[in-house]
Amino acid sequence: MDKEVTKTESDDTSSVEIKVLLFARARELAGVPDLTLKMPSGSTTQKCMDELVLKFPSLEEVRSCVVLALNEEYTTDSAIVQHRDELAIIPPISGG
């Protein structure tokens, strides 16, 4: 049991968990409105998007045109995510 605790503690320092929110077409393609994503510490929003496309290959359709928001503020591909951050994937929205 001690080994498990130690492993968990070391995992916490080497990785972060973020909440990903998917909107509009991204939500349709992934089939989920949100999820928790575990990433290595120091990961960028672009690396998170890479991981999401691996998990949900259909997201490739909107990847080049999405806007990213980190903790409710628009951000860039190079922003570093922190533990418990919230990353929103926002594709262009059309309607009428």
Protein backbone atom coordinates (compact mmCIF):
# COMPACT_ATOMS: atom_id res chain seq x y z
CA MET A 1 0.00 0.00 0.00
CA ASP A 2 2.86 2.40 0.73
CA LYS A 3 4.19 1.84 -2.78
CA GLU A 4 0.83 2.85 -4.22
CA VAL A 5 0.83 6.09 -2.21
CA THR A 6 4.38 6.88 -3.31
CA LYS A 7 3.48 6.16 -6.93
CA THR A 8 0.47 8.47 -6.72
CA GLU A 9 2.54 11.25 -5.19
CA SER A 10 5.18 10.98 -7.91
CA ASP A 11 2.46 10.90 -10.58
CA ASP A 12 1.03 14.13 -9.19
CA THR A 13 4.36 15.92 -9.58
CA SER A 14 5.04 14.64 -13.10
CA SER A 15 1.59 15.09 -14.57
CA VAL A 16 -1.41 17.38 -14.45
CA GLU A 17 -5.11 16.73 -14.88
CA ILE A 18 -7.17 19.26 -16.78
CA LYS A 19 -10.83 19.47 -17.62
CA VAL A 20 -11.55 19.73 -21.33
CA LEU A 21 -14.81 21.26 -22.52
CA LEU A 22 -15.92 20.57 -26.08
CA PHE A 23 -18.35 22.85 -27.86
CA ALA A 24 -20.48 22.72 -31.03
CA ARG A 25 -18.98 20.51 -33.78
CA ALA A 26 -16.11 19.36 -31.52
CA ARG A 27 -18.68 18.00 -29.05
CA GLU A 28 -20.53 16.22 -31.87
CA LEU A 29 -17.33 14.67 -33.23
CA ALA A 30 -16.05 13.47 -29.86
CA GLY A 31 -19.46 12.39 -28.61
CA VAL A 32 -18.84 13.89 -25.16
CA PRO A 33 -19.37 17.40 -23.75
CA ASP A 34 -16.35 17.25 -21.44
CA LEU A 35 -13.63 14.97 -20.09
CA THR A 36 -10.63 14.87 -17.81
CA LEU A 37 -7.28 14.69 -19.57
CA LYS A 38 -4.06 13.66 -17.84
CA MET A 39 -0.96 15.23 -19.38
CA PRO A 40 2.74 15.43 -18.48
CA SER A 41 3.71 18.54 -16.49
CA GLY A 42 4.77 21.37 -18.77
CA SER A 43 2.41 20.35 -21.58
CA THR A 44 1.14 23.03 -23.92
CA THR A 45 -2.42 23.47 -25.10
CA GLN A 46 -1.20 22.20 -28.49
CA LYS A 47 0.03 18.95 -26.88
CA CYS A 48 -3.39 18.61 -25.23
CA MET A 49 -5.05 19.03 -28.61
CA ASP A 50 -2.68 16.40 -30.05
CA GLU A 51 -3.76 13.99 -27.31
CA LEU A 52 -7.44 14.73 -27.90
CA VAL A 53 -7.06 13.97 -31.61
CA LEU A 54 -5.39 10.66 -30.69
CA LYS A 55 -8.35 9.80 -28.43
CA PHE A 56 -10.95 11.15 -30.87
CA PRO A 57 -9.51 11.00 -34.43
CA SER A 58 -12.64 12.66 -35.83
CA LEU A 59 -11.56 15.92 -34.13
CA GLU A 60 -8.97 16.30 -36.89
CA GLU A 61 -11.85 17.75 -38.94
CA VAL A 62 -11.98 20.92 -36.79
CA ARG A 63 -8.45 21.00 -35.43
CA SER A 64 -7.13 23.66 -37.79
CA CYS A 65 -9.97 26.08 -37.11
CA VAL A 66 -10.69 25.78 -33.38
CA VAL A 67 -10.15 28.53 -30.84
CA LEU A 68 -8.72 27.47 -27.48
CA ALA A 69 -9.67 29.03 -24.16
CA LEU A 70 -7.76 28.30 -20.96
CA ASN A 71 -9.64 29.09 -17.75
CA GLU A 72 -12.22 31.13 -19.69
CA GLU A 73 -9.65 33.28 -21.53
CA TYR A 74 -8.65 32.84 -25.16
CA THR A 75 -5.15 31.41 -25.41
CA THR A 76 -2.45 30.23 -27.82
CA ASP A 77 -1.12 26.80 -28.76
CA SER A 78 1.99 27.44 -26.68
CA ALA A 79 0.27 28.14 -23.33
CA ILE A 80 1.32 25.73 -20.56
CA VAL A 81 -1.52 23.94 -18.78
CA GLN A 82 -1.52 23.63 -15.00
CA HIS A 83 -3.19 21.07 -12.74
CA ARG A 84 -6.98 21.57 -12.64
CA ASP A 85 -7.01 24.06 -15.51
CA GLU A 86 -10.02 24.13 -17.80
CA LEU A 87 -9.37 23.98 -21.54
CA ALA A 88 -12.22 24.79 -23.91
CA ILE A 89 -12.18 23.62 -27.53
CA ILE A 90 -14.33 26.05 -29.53
CA PRO A 91 -14.84 25.44 -33.24
CA PRO A 92 -16.34 28.06 -35.52
CA ILE A 93 -20.07 28.28 -34.96
CA SER A 94 -22.40 28.70 -37.87
CA GLY A 95 -26.10 29.13 -37.71
CA GLY A 96 -29.00 30.92 -39.04
